[in-house]
Amino acid sequence: MGQPRIIEVRYQEFLAILQRATDLKRKIDIADKERWNKFVRAHNVPEAGMAVKARAGAMSGKTKAVIVDGDGKADGYYIYSADDLFCLKYDLGLE
């Protein structure tokens, strides 16, 4: 098992991950506060750091966040910009 880290994910790859997570009901939206907070606490996700890094990479600053949980290697906290075709992932270090 590797160390958690923030990585850039190709936007098209992210869209495929998001579609699969949605289909398998493994996507957690920020509106689901209980599940969202549980995941963030369990994995020590640096949400503020993710937002700063995303703003640095996504010029418009219009970002959204989503969590994928229960899909193995795709699991993680994603912050993305559809306008800029940009995505960062807090990778949990799962093999």
N, C-alpha and C. Protein backbone atom coordinates (compact mmCIF):
# COMPACT_ATOMS: atom_id res chain seq x y z
N MET A 1 0.85 -1.17 0.00
CA MET A 1 0.00 0.00 0.00
C MET A 1 0.90 1.24 0.00
N GLY A 2 0.61 2.19 -0.89
CA GLY A 2 1.39 3.41 -0.98
C GLY A 2 0.90 4.48 -0.02
N GLN A 3 1.55 5.62 -0.09
CA GLN A 3 1.19 6.76 0.74
C GLN A 3 0.12 7.61 0.03
N PRO A 4 -0.78 8.22 0.79
CA PRO A 4 -1.74 9.14 0.18
C PRO A 4 -0.99 10.31 -0.45
N ARG A 5 -1.55 10.82 -1.58
CA ARG A 5 -0.91 11.94 -2.27
C ARG A 5 -1.93 12.62 -3.17
N ILE A 6 -1.61 13.84 -3.56
CA ILE A 6 -2.46 14.58 -4.48
C ILE A 6 -1.86 14.44 -5.87
N ILE A 7 -2.69 13.94 -6.81
CA ILE A 7 -2.21 13.73 -8.17
C ILE A 7 -3.17 14.38 -9.17
N GLU A 8 -2.66 14.68 -10.34
CA GLU A 8 -3.53 15.17 -11.41
C GLU A 8 -4.03 13.96 -12.19
N VAL A 9 -5.30 13.98 -12.53
CA VAL A 9 -5.93 12.90 -13.29
C VAL A 9 -6.40 13.48 -14.62
N ARG A 10 -6.15 12.78 -15.70
CA ARG A 10 -6.65 13.24 -17.00
C ARG A 10 -8.17 13.38 -16.90
N TYR A 11 -8.69 14.47 -17.40
CA TYR A 11 -10.11 14.77 -17.24
C TYR A 11 -11.00 13.68 -17.86
N GLN A 12 -10.65 13.17 -19.03
CA GLN A 12 -11.45 12.13 -19.66
C GLN A 12 -11.44 10.84 -18.83
N GLU A 13 -10.32 10.54 -18.22
CA GLU A 13 -10.23 9.38 -17.33
C GLU A 13 -11.14 9.59 -16.11
N PHE A 14 -11.12 10.80 -15.56
CA PHE A 14 -11.98 11.13 -14.43
C PHE A 14 -13.46 10.94 -14.79
N LEU A 15 -13.86 11.39 -15.98
CA LEU A 15 -15.27 11.24 -16.38
C LEU A 15 -15.68 9.78 -16.40
N ALA A 16 -14.80 8.90 -16.86
CA ALA A 16 -15.10 7.46 -16.87
C ALA A 16 -15.22 6.93 -15.44
N ILE A 17 -14.34 7.37 -14.55
CA ILE A 17 -14.38 6.95 -13.14
C ILE A 17 -15.68 7.43 -12.50
N LEU A 18 -16.04 8.68 -12.77
CA LEU A 18 -17.26 9.25 -12.21
C LEU A 18 -18.51 8.52 -12.71
N GLN A 19 -18.54 8.19 -13.99
CA GLN A 19 -19.69 7.47 -14.54
C GLN A 19 -19.82 6.09 -13.90
N ARG A 20 -18.69 5.39 -13.76
CA ARG A 20 -18.71 4.06 -13.14
C ARG A 20 -19.18 4.16 -11.69
N ALA A 21 -18.65 5.14 -10.95
CA ALA A 21 -19.03 5.32 -9.54
C ALA A 21 -20.52 5.65 -9.42
N THR A 22 -21.02 6.45 -10.34
CA THR A 22 -22.45 6.80 -10.34
C THR A 22 -23.29 5.55 -10.61
N ASP A 23 -22.91 4.79 -11.63
CA ASP A 23 -23.64 3.57 -11.99
C ASP A 23 -23.67 2.56 -10.85
N LEU A 24 -22.54 2.45 -10.12
CA LEU A 24 -22.42 1.46 -9.05
C LEU A 24 -22.83 2.03 -7.68
N LYS A 25 -23.33 3.27 -7.68
CA LYS A 25 -23.75 3.94 -6.45
C LYS A 25 -22.61 4.03 -5.43
N ARG A 26 -21.42 4.38 -5.94
CA ARG A 26 -20.24 4.52 -5.09
C ARG A 26 -19.74 5.96 -5.06
N LYS A 27 -20.56 6.87 -5.55
CA LYS A 27 -20.24 8.29 -5.57
C LYS A 27 -20.86 8.95 -4.34
N ILE A 28 -20.08 9.81 -3.68
CA ILE A 28 -20.59 10.58 -2.55
C ILE A 28 -20.54 12.05 -2.94
N ASP A 29 -21.69 12.68 -2.95
CA ASP A 29 -21.77 14.12 -3.24
C ASP A 29 -21.68 14.89 -1.94
N ILE A 30 -21.22 16.12 -2.03
CA ILE A 30 -21.03 16.96 -0.86
C ILE A 30 -22.36 17.19 -0.10
N ALA A 31 -23.48 17.07 -0.79
CA ALA A 31 -24.79 17.24 -0.15
C ALA A 31 -25.07 16.13 0.87
N ASP A 32 -24.41 14.98 0.73
CA ASP A 32 -24.55 13.87 1.66
C ASP A 32 -23.53 14.07 2.80
N LYS A 33 -23.83 15.04 3.66
CA LYS A 33 -22.87 15.51 4.68
C LYS A 33 -22.33 14.39 5.56
N GLU A 34 -23.19 13.48 5.98
CA GLU A 34 -22.76 12.43 6.89
C GLU A 34 -21.70 11.52 6.26
N ARG A 35 -22.01 10.99 5.08
CA ARG A 35 -21.04 10.12 4.40
C ARG A 35 -19.79 10.89 3.98
N TRP A 36 -19.99 12.14 3.52
CA TRP A 36 -18.86 12.98 3.10
C TRP A 36 -17.89 13.18 4.26
N ASN A 37 -18.41 13.64 5.39
CA ASN A 37 -17.56 13.91 6.56
C ASN A 37 -16.89 12.66 7.09
N LYS A 38 -17.61 11.54 7.05
CA LYS A 38 -17.04 10.27 7.50
C LYS A 38 -15.82 9.90 6.65
N PHE A 39 -15.94 10.02 5.33
CA PHE A 39 -14.83 9.69 4.43
C PHE A 39 -13.65 10.64 4.65
N VAL A 40 -13.94 11.94 4.72
CA VAL A 40 -12.88 12.95 4.89
C VAL A 40 -12.11 12.70 6.18
N ARG A 41 -12.83 12.43 7.27
CA ARG A 41 -12.17 12.17 8.56
C ARG A 41 -11.38 10.86 8.53
N ALA A 42 -11.97 9.81 7.98
CA ALA A 42 -11.31 8.50 7.96
C ALA A 42 -10.01 8.52 7.16
N HIS A 43 -9.94 9.35 6.13
CA HIS A 43 -8.77 9.36 5.25
C HIS A 43 -7.92 10.63 5.38
N ASN A 44 -8.26 11.47 6.36
CA ASN A 44 -7.51 12.72 6.59
C ASN A 44 -7.32 13.53 5.31
N VAL A 45 -8.39 13.71 4.57
CA VAL A 45 -8.33 14.46 3.31
C VAL A 45 -8.09 15.94 3.60
N PRO A 46 -7.04 16.51 3.01
CA PRO A 46 -6.75 17.94 3.21
C PRO A 46 -7.59 18.79 2.27
N GLU A 47 -8.87 18.97 2.60
CA GLU A 47 -9.79 19.66 1.70
C GLU A 47 -9.33 21.07 1.33
N ALA A 48 -8.83 21.82 2.29
CA ALA A 48 -8.38 23.18 2.00
C ALA A 48 -7.20 23.16 1.04
N GLY A 49 -6.27 22.25 1.26
CA GLY A 49 -5.11 22.12 0.37
C GLY A 49 -5.51 21.71 -1.04
N MET A 50 -6.50 20.84 -1.13
CA MET A 50 -7.00 20.42 -2.44
C MET A 50 -7.59 21.61 -3.18
N ALA A 51 -8.35 22.44 -2.50
CA ALA A 51 -8.99 23.59 -3.13
C ALA A 51 -7.95 24.58 -3.64
N VAL A 52 -6.89 24.81 -2.85
CA VAL A 52 -5.83 25.73 -3.27
C VAL A 52 -5.12 25.20 -4.50
N LYS A 53 -4.76 23.91 -4.49
CA LYS A 53 -4.09 23.31 -5.64
C LYS A 53 -4.97 23.35 -6.88
N ALA A 54 -6.26 23.11 -6.71
CA ALA A 54 -7.18 23.12 -7.85
C ALA A 54 -7.28 24.51 -8.45
N ARG A 55 -7.35 25.53 -7.60
CA ARG A 55 -7.42 26.90 -8.12
C ARG A 55 -6.15 27.26 -8.88
N ALA A 56 -5.03 26.74 -8.45
CA ALA A 56 -3.77 27.01 -9.12
C ALA A 56 -3.75 26.36 -10.51
N GLY A 57 -4.42 25.22 -10.66
CA GLY A 57 -4.41 24.51 -11.93
C GLY A 57 -5.59 24.82 -12.82
N ALA A 58 -6.71 25.21 -12.22
CA ALA A 58 -7.93 25.50 -12.99
C ALA A 58 -8.13 27.00 -13.01
N MET A 59 -7.90 27.61 -14.13
CA MET A 59 -7.89 29.06 -14.22
C MET A 59 -9.21 29.73 -13.83
N SER A 60 -10.33 29.14 -14.12
CA SER A 60 -11.61 29.80 -13.84
C SER A 60 -11.96 29.80 -12.36
N GLY A 61 -11.40 28.87 -11.61
CA GLY A 61 -11.71 28.79 -10.19
C GLY A 61 -13.05 28.14 -9.89
N LYS A 62 -13.81 27.77 -10.93
CA LYS A 62 -15.10 27.12 -10.74
C LYS A 62 -14.87 25.61 -10.60
N THR A 63 -14.75 25.16 -9.37
CA THR A 63 -14.46 23.74 -9.14
C THR A 63 -15.59 23.08 -8.37
N LYS A 64 -15.66 21.77 -8.52
CA LYS A 64 -16.60 20.93 -7.79
C LYS A 64 -15.81 19.79 -7.18
N ALA A 65 -16.36 19.19 -6.15
CA ALA A 65 -15.71 18.06 -5.49
C ALA A 65 -16.67 16.88 -5.43
N VAL A 66 -16.09 15.68 -5.47
CA VAL A 66 -16.86 14.45 -5.37
C VAL A 66 -15.94 13.39 -4.77
N ILE A 67 -16.54 12.43 -4.08
CA ILE A 67 -15.78 11.32 -3.51
C ILE A 67 -16.25 10.03 -4.16
N VAL A 68 -15.28 9.16 -4.46
CA VAL A 68 -15.57 7.81 -4.93
C VAL A 68 -15.11 6.88 -3.81
N ASP A 69 -16.02 6.04 -3.32
CA ASP A 69 -15.71 5.16 -2.20
C ASP A 69 -16.26 3.77 -2.48
N GLY A 70 -15.40 2.77 -2.36
CA GLY A 70 -15.84 1.39 -2.55
C GLY A 70 -15.57 0.84 -3.93
N ASP A 71 -14.70 1.50 -4.69
CA ASP A 71 -14.39 1.05 -6.06
C ASP A 71 -12.90 0.77 -6.22
N GLY A 72 -12.24 0.44 -5.12
CA GLY A 72 -10.83 0.05 -5.17
C GLY A 72 -9.89 1.19 -5.54
N LYS A 73 -9.10 0.98 -6.56
CA LYS A 73 -8.06 1.94 -6.95
C LYS A 73 -8.63 3.31 -7.31
N ALA A 74 -9.85 3.38 -7.77
CA ALA A 74 -10.48 4.66 -8.13
C ALA A 74 -10.93 5.45 -6.90
N ASP A 75 -10.92 4.81 -5.72
CA ASP A 75 -11.36 5.50 -4.51
C ASP A 75 -10.53 6.75 -4.27
N GLY A 76 -11.21 7.80 -3.85
CA GLY A 76 -10.51 9.02 -3.51
C GLY A 76 -11.42 10.23 -3.53
N TYR A 77 -10.84 11.35 -3.21
CA TYR A 77 -11.51 12.64 -3.18
C TYR A 77 -11.05 13.37 -4.43
N TYR A 78 -11.99 13.75 -5.27
CA TYR A 78 -11.68 14.43 -6.53
C TYR A 78 -12.18 15.86 -6.50
N ILE A 79 -11.40 16.77 -7.01
CA ILE A 79 -11.84 18.14 -7.21
C ILE A 79 -11.57 18.46 -8.68
N TYR A 80 -12.59 19.00 -9.35
CA TYR A 80 -12.48 19.14 -10.80
C TYR A 80 -13.16 20.41 -11.31
N SER A 81 -12.79 20.77 -12.53
CA SER A 81 -13.40 21.90 -13.22
C SER A 81 -13.81 21.44 -14.61
N ALA A 82 -15.11 21.41 -14.86
CA ALA A 82 -15.62 21.04 -16.19
C ALA A 82 -15.25 22.09 -17.22
N ASP A 83 -15.21 23.36 -16.80
CA ASP A 83 -14.87 24.44 -17.73
C ASP A 83 -13.43 24.33 -18.21
N ASP A 84 -12.54 23.91 -17.32
CA ASP A 84 -11.12 23.86 -17.65
C ASP A 84 -10.61 22.45 -17.96
N LEU A 85 -11.50 21.46 -17.91
CA LEU A 85 -11.14 20.07 -18.16
C LEU A 85 -9.95 19.67 -17.29
N PHE A 86 -10.06 19.93 -16.00
CA PHE A 86 -8.98 19.75 -15.05
C PHE A 86 -9.48 18.96 -13.85
N CYS A 87 -8.64 18.02 -13.35
CA CYS A 87 -9.06 17.21 -12.20
C CYS A 87 -7.84 16.85 -11.34
N LEU A 88 -8.02 17.00 -10.03
CA LEU A 88 -7.05 16.54 -9.04
C LEU A 88 -7.71 15.46 -8.19
N LYS A 89 -6.89 14.55 -7.71
CA LYS A 89 -7.40 13.47 -6.86
C LYS A 89 -6.53 13.36 -5.63
N TYR A 90 -7.18 13.23 -4.47
CA TYR A 90 -6.46 12.84 -3.27
C TYR A 90 -6.46 11.33 -3.30
N ASP A 91 -5.35 10.78 -3.77
CA ASP A 91 -5.20 9.34 -3.95
C ASP A 91 -4.90 8.71 -2.60
N LEU A 92 -5.65 7.69 -2.23
CA LEU A 92 -5.52 7.07 -0.93
C LEU A 92 -4.33 6.13 -0.83
N GLY A 93 -3.65 5.90 -1.96
CA GLY A 93 -2.48 5.02 -1.95
C GLY A 93 -2.85 3.55 -2.06
N LEU A 94 -4.06 3.26 -2.52
CA LEU A 94 -4.48 1.87 -2.68
C LEU A 94 -3.84 1.28 -3.94
N GLU A 95 -3.45 0.06 -3.85
CA GLU A 95 -2.80 -0.60 -5.00
C GLU A 95 -3.81 -1.18 -5.93
